[in-house]
Amino acid sequence: MELVLRGKSEERDNFWFQMPVHYPRYSKKDYEEMPEWQLDRLLAQYGLPVTGDLNSKRSFAIGAFLWA
């Protein structure tokens, strides 16, 4: 016997994430000079949070996309 649950859990399980084909290739200086609208778009493209002030978005992008 198979139990099928429908409703909220079904909606929650039906999501997807599409990784963009190209990884961003910006330098730290590029992120530091990038306008807020461009940071918002870049973060949204990768499904990352687009909240906070401009400095927190820059810091998040640098941490997410640049490695030491």
N, C-alpha and C. Protein backbone atom coordinates (compact mmCIF):
# COMPACT_ATOMS: atom_id res chain seq x y z
N MET A 1 0.83 -1.17 0.00
CA MET A 1 0.00 0.00 0.00
C MET A 1 0.88 1.24 0.00
N GLU A 2 0.55 2.19 -0.84
CA GLU A 2 1.35 3.41 -0.95
C GLU A 2 0.56 4.60 -0.42
N LEU A 3 1.19 5.36 0.43
CA LEU A 3 0.56 6.53 1.00
C LEU A 3 1.06 7.76 0.25
N VAL A 4 0.13 8.53 -0.29
CA VAL A 4 0.49 9.73 -1.04
C VAL A 4 -0.04 10.93 -0.30
N LEU A 5 0.86 11.81 0.10
CA LEU A 5 0.46 13.04 0.78
C LEU A 5 0.48 14.18 -0.22
N ARG A 6 -0.54 14.95 -0.21
CA ARG A 6 -0.62 16.09 -1.12
C ARG A 6 -0.85 17.36 -0.30
N GLY A 7 -0.51 18.46 -0.88
CA GLY A 7 -0.72 19.73 -0.19
C GLY A 7 0.58 20.48 -0.06
N LYS A 8 0.79 21.07 1.11
CA LYS A 8 1.96 21.94 1.32
C LYS A 8 3.28 21.22 1.07
N SER A 9 3.41 19.99 1.55
CA SER A 9 4.69 19.30 1.37
C SER A 9 4.95 19.04 -0.11
N GLU A 10 3.91 18.78 -0.88
CA GLU A 10 4.09 18.56 -2.31
C GLU A 10 4.57 19.84 -2.98
N GLU A 11 4.01 20.98 -2.60
CA GLU A 11 4.43 22.25 -3.17
C GLU A 11 5.88 22.54 -2.80
N ARG A 12 6.24 22.23 -1.56
CA ARG A 12 7.60 22.50 -1.07
C ARG A 12 8.61 21.64 -1.80
N ASP A 13 8.26 20.43 -2.17
CA ASP A 13 9.19 19.52 -2.84
C ASP A 13 9.34 19.81 -4.34
N ASN A 14 8.46 20.62 -4.89
CA ASN A 14 8.50 20.91 -6.32
C ASN A 14 9.20 22.24 -6.59
N PHE A 15 10.47 22.31 -6.28
CA PHE A 15 11.24 23.51 -6.58
C PHE A 15 12.47 23.09 -7.37
N TRP A 16 13.11 24.03 -8.01
CA TRP A 16 14.31 23.71 -8.77
C TRP A 16 15.26 24.89 -8.72
N PHE A 17 16.50 24.59 -8.96
CA PHE A 17 17.54 25.61 -9.01
C PHE A 17 18.34 25.37 -10.27
N GLN A 18 18.52 26.41 -11.05
CA GLN A 18 19.30 26.27 -12.27
C GLN A 18 20.59 27.06 -12.11
N MET A 19 21.69 26.36 -12.10
CA MET A 19 22.99 27.01 -11.98
C MET A 19 23.33 27.65 -13.31
N PRO A 20 23.66 28.94 -13.32
CA PRO A 20 24.06 29.57 -14.58
C PRO A 20 25.28 28.87 -15.18
N VAL A 21 25.37 28.92 -16.47
CA VAL A 21 26.42 28.20 -17.18
C VAL A 21 27.81 28.74 -16.83
N HIS A 22 27.94 30.04 -16.70
CA HIS A 22 29.23 30.65 -16.45
C HIS A 22 29.31 31.19 -15.03
N TYR A 23 30.40 30.88 -14.37
CA TYR A 23 30.67 31.41 -13.04
C TYR A 23 31.17 32.84 -13.21
N PRO A 24 30.71 33.78 -12.34
CA PRO A 24 31.15 35.17 -12.53
C PRO A 24 32.66 35.32 -12.41
N ARG A 25 33.22 36.11 -13.27
CA ARG A 25 34.68 36.31 -13.28
C ARG A 25 34.99 37.78 -13.02
N TYR A 26 34.67 38.21 -11.84
CA TYR A 26 34.95 39.59 -11.46
C TYR A 26 36.06 39.59 -10.42
N SER A 27 36.83 40.65 -10.39
CA SER A 27 37.87 40.81 -9.38
C SER A 27 37.25 41.47 -8.14
N LYS A 28 38.01 41.49 -7.07
CA LYS A 28 37.54 42.14 -5.85
C LYS A 28 37.25 43.62 -6.14
N LYS A 29 38.11 44.24 -6.93
CA LYS A 29 37.90 45.64 -7.29
C LYS A 29 36.59 45.81 -8.07
N ASP A 30 36.29 44.87 -8.97
CA ASP A 30 35.03 44.93 -9.72
C ASP A 30 33.83 44.92 -8.78
N TYR A 31 33.85 44.02 -7.79
CA TYR A 31 32.74 43.95 -6.84
C TYR A 31 32.65 45.22 -6.01
N GLU A 32 33.80 45.80 -5.65
CA GLU A 32 33.81 47.01 -4.83
C GLU A 32 33.28 48.22 -5.60
N GLU A 33 33.38 48.20 -6.92
CA GLU A 33 32.91 49.32 -7.74
C GLU A 33 31.57 49.05 -8.41
N MET A 34 31.05 47.83 -8.31
CA MET A 34 29.82 47.43 -8.98
C MET A 34 28.62 48.18 -8.40
N PRO A 35 27.76 48.73 -9.27
CA PRO A 35 26.55 49.41 -8.77
C PRO A 35 25.60 48.41 -8.11
N GLU A 36 24.76 48.92 -7.23
CA GLU A 36 23.87 48.05 -6.46
C GLU A 36 22.94 47.23 -7.35
N TRP A 37 22.40 47.83 -8.41
CA TRP A 37 21.48 47.09 -9.27
C TRP A 37 22.17 45.88 -9.90
N GLN A 38 23.46 46.03 -10.24
CA GLN A 38 24.19 44.92 -10.87
C GLN A 38 24.47 43.82 -9.85
N LEU A 39 24.81 44.21 -8.62
CA LEU A 39 24.99 43.21 -7.56
C LEU A 39 23.70 42.46 -7.30
N ASP A 40 22.58 43.19 -7.23
CA ASP A 40 21.27 42.56 -7.00
C ASP A 40 20.98 41.53 -8.09
N ARG A 41 21.24 41.91 -9.32
CA ARG A 41 20.95 41.01 -10.44
C ARG A 41 21.86 39.78 -10.41
N LEU A 42 23.13 39.99 -10.11
CA LEU A 42 24.08 38.88 -10.06
C LEU A 42 23.71 37.90 -8.95
N LEU A 43 23.42 38.42 -7.75
CA LEU A 43 23.06 37.54 -6.64
C LEU A 43 21.76 36.80 -6.93
N ALA A 44 20.78 37.49 -7.49
CA ALA A 44 19.51 36.85 -7.82
C ALA A 44 19.69 35.76 -8.86
N GLN A 45 20.58 35.98 -9.82
CA GLN A 45 20.83 34.99 -10.88
C GLN A 45 21.32 33.68 -10.29
N TYR A 46 22.06 33.75 -9.19
CA TYR A 46 22.58 32.54 -8.56
C TYR A 46 21.70 32.07 -7.40
N GLY A 47 20.55 32.69 -7.23
CA GLY A 47 19.63 32.26 -6.18
C GLY A 47 20.12 32.62 -4.79
N LEU A 48 20.94 33.65 -4.68
CA LEU A 48 21.50 34.07 -3.40
C LEU A 48 20.69 35.24 -2.85
N PRO A 49 20.77 35.47 -1.54
CA PRO A 49 19.99 36.55 -0.93
C PRO A 49 20.38 37.93 -1.46
N VAL A 50 19.37 38.75 -1.69
CA VAL A 50 19.58 40.10 -2.20
C VAL A 50 19.06 41.08 -1.15
N THR A 51 19.48 40.89 0.08
CA THR A 51 19.00 41.74 1.17
C THR A 51 20.16 42.48 1.82
N GLY A 52 19.84 43.52 2.53
CA GLY A 52 20.85 44.30 3.23
C GLY A 52 21.24 45.54 2.46
N ASP A 53 22.17 46.28 3.02
CA ASP A 53 22.63 47.49 2.36
C ASP A 53 23.70 47.14 1.32
N LEU A 54 24.13 48.15 0.60
CA LEU A 54 25.08 47.93 -0.49
C LEU A 54 26.38 47.30 0.00
N ASN A 55 26.89 47.75 1.13
CA ASN A 55 28.14 47.19 1.66
C ASN A 55 28.00 45.72 2.02
N SER A 56 26.86 45.34 2.60
CA SER A 56 26.67 43.92 2.96
C SER A 56 26.52 43.06 1.71
N LYS A 57 25.88 43.58 0.67
CA LYS A 57 25.76 42.83 -0.59
C LYS A 57 27.14 42.64 -1.23
N ARG A 58 27.95 43.70 -1.22
CA ARG A 58 29.30 43.60 -1.78
C ARG A 58 30.13 42.57 -1.02
N SER A 59 30.05 42.66 0.29
CA SER A 59 30.80 41.73 1.14
C SER A 59 30.35 40.29 0.89
N PHE A 60 29.04 40.09 0.77
CA PHE A 60 28.52 38.75 0.52
C PHE A 60 29.00 38.23 -0.84
N ALA A 61 28.92 39.07 -1.87
CA ALA A 61 29.35 38.65 -3.22
C ALA A 61 30.83 38.30 -3.24
N ILE A 62 31.64 39.11 -2.58
CA ILE A 62 33.08 38.84 -2.53
C ILE A 62 33.34 37.51 -1.82
N GLY A 63 32.64 37.26 -0.72
CA GLY A 63 32.80 36.01 0.00
C GLY A 63 32.28 34.81 -0.77
N ALA A 64 31.21 35.00 -1.55
CA ALA A 64 30.61 33.89 -2.29
C ALA A 64 31.38 33.53 -3.55
N PHE A 65 31.92 34.54 -4.23
CA PHE A 65 32.50 34.30 -5.55
C PHE A 65 34.02 34.36 -5.61
N LEU A 66 34.67 34.90 -4.59
CA LEU A 66 36.13 34.98 -4.59
C LEU A 66 36.70 34.12 -3.48
N TRP A 67 37.76 33.40 -3.77
CA TRP A 67 38.42 32.58 -2.76
C TRP A 67 39.86 33.03 -2.63
N ALA A 68 40.37 32.88 -1.45
CA ALA A 68 41.76 33.31 -1.18
C ALA A 68 42.76 32.48 -1.95
